[in-house]
């Protein structure tokens, strides 16, 4: 009935946000496994009908959905884990198709951000979550329609990066009383996302907080300078500014 209104402004509108928030409410409030099965089916239909809402314009809806689905991937019920993993795979495949079979950049970025957020919020990363990642990889391996494109490789790369973040976070927990080792691990993780400024910024901000907490203010300042350089470099590429003479790589040496 309201499809035309929902599709206005490439699905970036107030009504779409309200409908989306209603869907999310079903994941945010405890449900039975039977009810969740229907919620996941409704979300598959919703994403399939309105892909622009997630893969075009602002990334807010995409990020929120990734966060809630990943939370379900850590659910105690195996059937819910499987349903959540299937929905996540479907979501990434829709992103790939929406981008004319070129990449899943948006879902990749939002999923890594959601993982980083969930580590702090819900402590994910145990055997249940690893089981869900394995299910997603199995979907990628068995998807015959995607056999001759690079989508399965992109899915495997994403799950590998998620495992790297989880492993690095576990190491950080082990060294939380050793500030220098902790910052070293943060720096390595930031470097692994050199090609993804938004995620690099997330880890540099985390490094800055550790430095500031330990009273190392000049080191914290260098982290913030690097973040400013990342933003300036991005704005220069977009043609928004024309005064930036260097690039972030040139100040990498000072971040530690």
Protein backbone atom coordinates (compact mmCIF):
# COMPACT_ATOMS: atom_id res chain seq x y z
CA UNK A 1 0.00 0.00 0.00
CA UNK A 2 2.77 2.45 0.92
CA UNK A 3 5.46 1.17 -1.46
CA UNK A 4 5.62 4.43 -3.47
CA UNK A 5 6.05 6.53 -0.30
CA UNK A 6 8.70 4.14 1.04
CA UNK A 7 10.69 4.41 -2.21
CA UNK A 8 10.78 8.21 -2.21
CA UNK A 9 14.26 9.80 -2.18
CA UNK A 10 15.84 6.39 -2.92
CA UNK A 11 14.25 4.95 0.25
CA UNK A 12 15.91 7.63 2.42
CA UNK A 13 12.82 8.99 4.16
CA UNK A 14 11.06 9.19 7.54
CA UNK A 15 8.45 6.50 6.76
CA UNK A 16 11.15 4.01 5.74
CA UNK A 17 13.00 4.67 9.02
CA UNK A 18 9.81 3.98 11.00
CA UNK A 19 9.10 0.72 9.15
CA UNK A 20 12.73 -0.35 9.56
CA UNK A 21 12.74 0.47 13.29
CA UNK A 22 9.62 -1.68 13.71
CA UNK A 23 11.41 -4.62 12.10
CA UNK A 24 14.45 -4.04 14.35
CA UNK A 25 12.27 -3.98 17.46
CA UNK A 26 11.45 -7.66 16.89
CA UNK A 27 15.19 -8.47 17.08
CA UNK A 28 15.88 -6.17 20.04
CA UNK A 29 13.18 -7.72 22.27
CA UNK A 30 13.58 -11.36 23.31
CA UNK A 31 11.59 -13.68 21.04
CA UNK A 32 11.12 -17.43 20.78
CA UNK A 33 13.12 -19.29 18.12
CA UNK A 34 9.83 -19.94 16.26
CA UNK A 35 8.96 -16.22 16.21
CA UNK A 36 12.48 -15.25 15.12
CA UNK A 37 12.19 -17.57 12.13
CA UNK A 38 9.29 -15.44 10.85
CA UNK A 39 11.15 -12.20 11.68
CA UNK A 40 14.10 -13.33 9.54
CA UNK A 41 11.73 -14.24 6.69
CA UNK A 42 10.13 -10.78 6.92
CA UNK A 43 13.56 -9.13 6.85
CA UNK A 44 14.60 -11.13 3.75
CA UNK A 45 11.46 -9.88 2.01
CA UNK A 46 12.09 -6.30 3.23
CA UNK A 47 15.73 -6.21 2.04
CA UNK A 48 14.77 -7.83 -1.28
CA UNK A 49 12.03 -5.25 -1.88
CA UNK A 50 13.94 -2.12 -0.77
CA UNK A 51 17.70 -2.67 -1.38
CA UNK A 52 18.27 1.08 -1.92
CA UNK A 53 17.50 1.69 1.74
CA UNK A 54 20.58 -0.31 2.71
CA UNK A 55 23.03 -0.02 -0.16
CA UNK A 56 22.59 3.59 -1.28
CA UNK A 57 22.79 6.96 0.47
CA UNK A 58 23.33 7.01 4.25
CA UNK A 59 24.65 3.78 5.81
CA UNK A 60 22.65 4.04 9.07
CA UNK A 61 20.06 1.35 8.26
CA UNK A 62 22.71 -0.98 6.88
CA UNK A 63 24.84 -0.60 10.03
CA UNK A 64 21.89 -1.14 12.40
CA UNK A 65 20.73 -4.27 10.57
CA UNK A 66 24.27 -5.73 10.49
CA UNK A 67 24.58 -5.15 14.25
CA UNK A 68 21.31 -6.91 15.10
CA UNK A 69 21.89 -9.86 12.75
CA UNK A 70 25.42 -10.41 14.10
CA UNK A 71 24.00 -10.38 17.63
CA UNK A 72 21.66 -13.21 16.57
CA UNK A 73 24.64 -15.09 15.10
CA UNK A 74 25.81 -15.40 18.72
CA UNK A 75 22.40 -16.68 19.91
CA UNK A 76 22.26 -19.76 22.16
CA UNK A 77 19.75 -21.47 19.82
CA UNK A 78 21.42 -23.31 16.90
CA UNK A 79 18.34 -22.82 14.70
CA UNK A 80 18.46 -19.04 15.31
CA UNK A 81 22.20 -19.00 14.54
CA UNK A 82 21.53 -20.78 11.24
CA UNK A 83 18.64 -18.44 10.33
CA UNK A 84 20.72 -15.35 11.20
CA UNK A 85 23.70 -16.65 9.18
CA UNK A 86 21.41 -17.33 6.19
CA UNK A 87 19.95 -13.80 6.43
CA UNK A 88 23.44 -12.28 6.64
CA UNK A 89 24.57 -14.24 3.57
CA UNK A 90 21.42 -13.15 1.70
CA UNK A 91 22.11 -9.53 2.73
CA UNK A 92 25.69 -9.64 1.40
CA UNK A 93 24.54 -11.28 -1.82
CA UNK A 94 21.91 -8.55 -2.32
CA UNK A 95 24.64 -5.94 -1.79
CA UNK A 96 26.75 -7.67 -4.46
CA UNK A 97 23.84 -7.76 -6.91
CA UNK A 98 22.91 -4.13 -6.17
CA UNK A 99 26.51 -3.12 -7.01
CA UNK A 100 26.22 -4.91 -10.38
CA UNK A 101 28.37 -7.82 -9.15
CA UNK A 102 31.37 -5.62 -8.37
CA UNK A 103 31.78 -5.71 -4.59
CA UNK A 104 30.18 -5.84 -1.13
CA UNK A 105 32.07 -2.80 0.18
CA UNK A 106 29.20 -1.34 2.22
CA UNK A 107 28.15 -4.54 3.99
CA UNK A 108 31.84 -5.43 4.54
CA UNK A 109 32.55 -2.10 6.24
CA UNK A 110 29.36 -2.07 8.33
CA UNK A 111 29.83 -5.68 9.46
CA UNK A 112 33.39 -5.04 10.65
CA UNK A 113 32.19 -1.93 12.49
CA UNK A 114 29.34 -3.92 14.05
CA UNK A 115 31.74 -6.67 15.17
CA UNK A 116 34.00 -4.08 16.83
CA UNK A 117 30.94 -2.60 18.57
CA UNK A 118 29.58 -6.00 19.67
CA UNK A 119 32.91 -7.03 21.17
CA UNK A 120 32.48 -4.22 23.69
CA UNK A 121 28.67 -4.54 24.06
CA UNK A 122 28.05 -8.29 24.14
CA UNK A 123 31.43 -10.04 24.24
CA UNK A 124 30.98 -12.05 21.03
CA UNK A 125 33.69 -14.29 19.59
CA UNK A 126 33.09 -17.67 21.24
CA UNK A 127 32.28 -21.02 19.63
CA UNK A 128 28.69 -20.00 18.79
CA UNK A 129 29.83 -17.01 16.75
CA UNK A 130 32.59 -19.02 15.06
CA UNK A 131 29.98 -21.63 14.13
CA UNK A 132 27.90 -18.91 12.41
CA UNK A 133 30.94 -17.70 10.43
CA UNK A 134 31.50 -21.30 9.28
CA UNK A 135 27.85 -21.53 8.13
CA UNK A 136 28.25 -18.32 6.08
CA UNK A 137 31.39 -19.71 4.42
CA UNK A 138 29.53 -22.95 3.62
CA UNK A 139 26.76 -20.93 1.93
CA UNK A 140 29.42 -19.15 -0.16
CA UNK A 141 31.07 -22.46 -1.16
CA UNK A 142 27.77 -24.10 -2.11
CA UNK A 143 26.18 -21.20 -4.04
CA UNK A 144 26.31 -22.50 -7.62
CA UNK A 145 24.87 -19.27 -9.10
CA UNK A 146 27.86 -17.32 -7.71
CA UNK A 147 30.48 -19.88 -8.72
CA UNK A 148 31.95 -17.84 -11.61
CA UNK A 149 32.09 -14.42 -9.90
CA UNK A 150 34.27 -13.10 -7.08
CA UNK A 151 31.46 -13.01 -4.50
CA UNK A 152 32.46 -16.22 -2.64
CA UNK A 153 36.03 -14.90 -2.36
CA UNK A 154 34.74 -11.60 -0.94
CA UNK A 155 32.63 -13.45 1.65
CA UNK A 156 35.65 -15.55 2.70
CA UNK A 157 37.80 -12.44 2.94
CA UNK A 158 35.19 -10.77 5.16
CA UNK A 159 34.87 -13.74 7.54
CA UNK A 160 38.68 -13.96 7.69
CA UNK A 161 38.90 -10.26 8.62
CA UNK A 162 36.23 -10.71 11.29
CA UNK A 163 38.27 -13.55 12.79
CA UNK A 164 41.38 -11.31 12.69
CA UNK A 165 39.54 -8.60 14.65
CA UNK A 166 38.30 -11.19 17.18
CA UNK A 167 41.80 -12.66 17.58
CA UNK A 168 43.40 -9.21 17.94
CA UNK A 169 40.80 -8.25 20.53
CA UNK A 170 41.52 -11.43 22.53
CA UNK A 171 45.24 -10.56 22.46
CA UNK A 172 44.45 -7.00 23.59
CA UNK A 173 42.54 -8.40 26.57
CA UNK A 174 45.59 -10.48 27.53
CA UNK A 175 47.84 -7.40 27.41
CA UNK A 176 45.42 -4.83 28.87
CA UNK A 177 47.89 -4.16 31.74
CA UNK A 178 50.81 -3.66 29.34
CA UNK A 179 50.10 -0.26 27.67
CA UNK A 180 52.94 -0.44 25.13
CA UNK A 181 52.01 -3.94 23.93
CA UNK A 182 48.33 -2.95 23.82
CA UNK A 183 49.04 0.10 21.64
CA UNK A 184 51.30 -2.02 19.43
CA UNK A 185 48.40 -4.41 18.77
CA UNK A 186 46.04 -1.48 18.11
CA UNK A 187 48.55 -0.01 15.65
CA UNK A 188 48.85 -3.32 13.76
CA UNK A 189 45.07 -3.55 13.51
CA UNK A 190 44.82 0.07 12.29
CA UNK A 191 47.47 -0.68 9.64
CA UNK A 192 45.54 -3.72 8.42
CA UNK A 193 42.75 -1.29 7.46
CA UNK A 194 44.94 1.22 5.62
CA UNK A 195 42.60 0.95 2.62
CA UNK A 196 39.46 1.55 4.75
CA UNK A 197 39.74 5.01 6.33
CA UNK A 198 36.59 4.74 8.46
CA UNK A 199 37.78 1.59 10.23
CA UNK A 200 41.34 2.90 10.46
CA UNK A 201 39.95 5.99 12.20
CA UNK A 202 38.05 3.77 14.70
CA UNK A 203 41.22 2.01 15.84
CA UNK A 204 43.32 5.20 15.85
CA UNK A 205 40.74 6.80 18.16
CA UNK A 206 41.00 3.77 20.43
CA UNK A 207 44.81 4.14 20.45
CA UNK A 208 44.49 7.83 21.32
CA UNK A 209 42.27 7.01 24.32
CA UNK A 210 44.83 4.49 25.63
CA UNK A 211 47.67 7.01 25.23
CA UNK A 212 45.64 9.73 26.98
CA UNK A 213 44.71 7.35 29.82
CA UNK A 214 48.40 6.59 30.37
CA UNK A 215 49.35 10.28 30.31
CA UNK A 216 51.15 9.99 26.94
CA UNK A 217 49.58 13.14 25.56
CA UNK A 218 51.99 13.79 22.66
CA UNK A 219 51.36 10.24 21.35
CA UNK A 220 47.60 10.76 21.69
CA UNK A 221 47.94 14.05 19.80
CA UNK A 222 49.76 12.29 16.94
CA UNK A 223 46.88 9.80 16.66
CA UNK A 224 44.39 12.66 16.35
CA UNK A 225 46.64 14.41 13.80
CA UNK A 226 46.65 11.21 11.75
CA UNK A 227 42.83 11.04 11.96
CA UNK A 228 42.66 14.67 10.76
CA UNK A 229 45.00 13.75 7.87
CA UNK A 230 42.74 10.82 6.91
CA UNK A 231 39.70 13.11 6.81
CA UNK A 232 41.57 15.81 4.87
CA UNK A 233 42.83 13.25 2.33
CA UNK A 234 39.28 11.97 1.85
CA UNK A 235 37.94 15.53 1.38
CA UNK A 236 40.70 16.28 -1.12
CA UNK A 237 39.80 13.20 -3.18
CA UNK A 238 36.17 14.36 -3.14
CA UNK A 239 37.27 17.81 -4.36
CA UNK A 240 35.98 19.52 -1.20
CA UNK A 241 39.37 21.05 -0.26
CA UNK A 242 42.52 21.90 -2.20
CA UNK A 243 45.02 22.87 0.51
CA UNK A 244 46.29 19.47 1.68
CA UNK A 245 49.91 19.05 0.52
CA UNK A 246 50.80 15.63 1.96
CA UNK A 247 49.08 12.31 2.72
CA UNK A 248 48.50 10.11 5.77
CA UNK A 249 51.30 7.67 4.90
CA UNK A 250 53.90 10.39 5.39
CA UNK A 251 52.99 10.72 9.08
CA UNK A 252 52.62 6.99 9.83
CA UNK A 253 56.08 6.86 11.39
CA UNK A 254 55.01 9.23 14.18
CA UNK A 255 51.82 7.46 15.27
CA UNK A 256 53.58 5.05 17.65
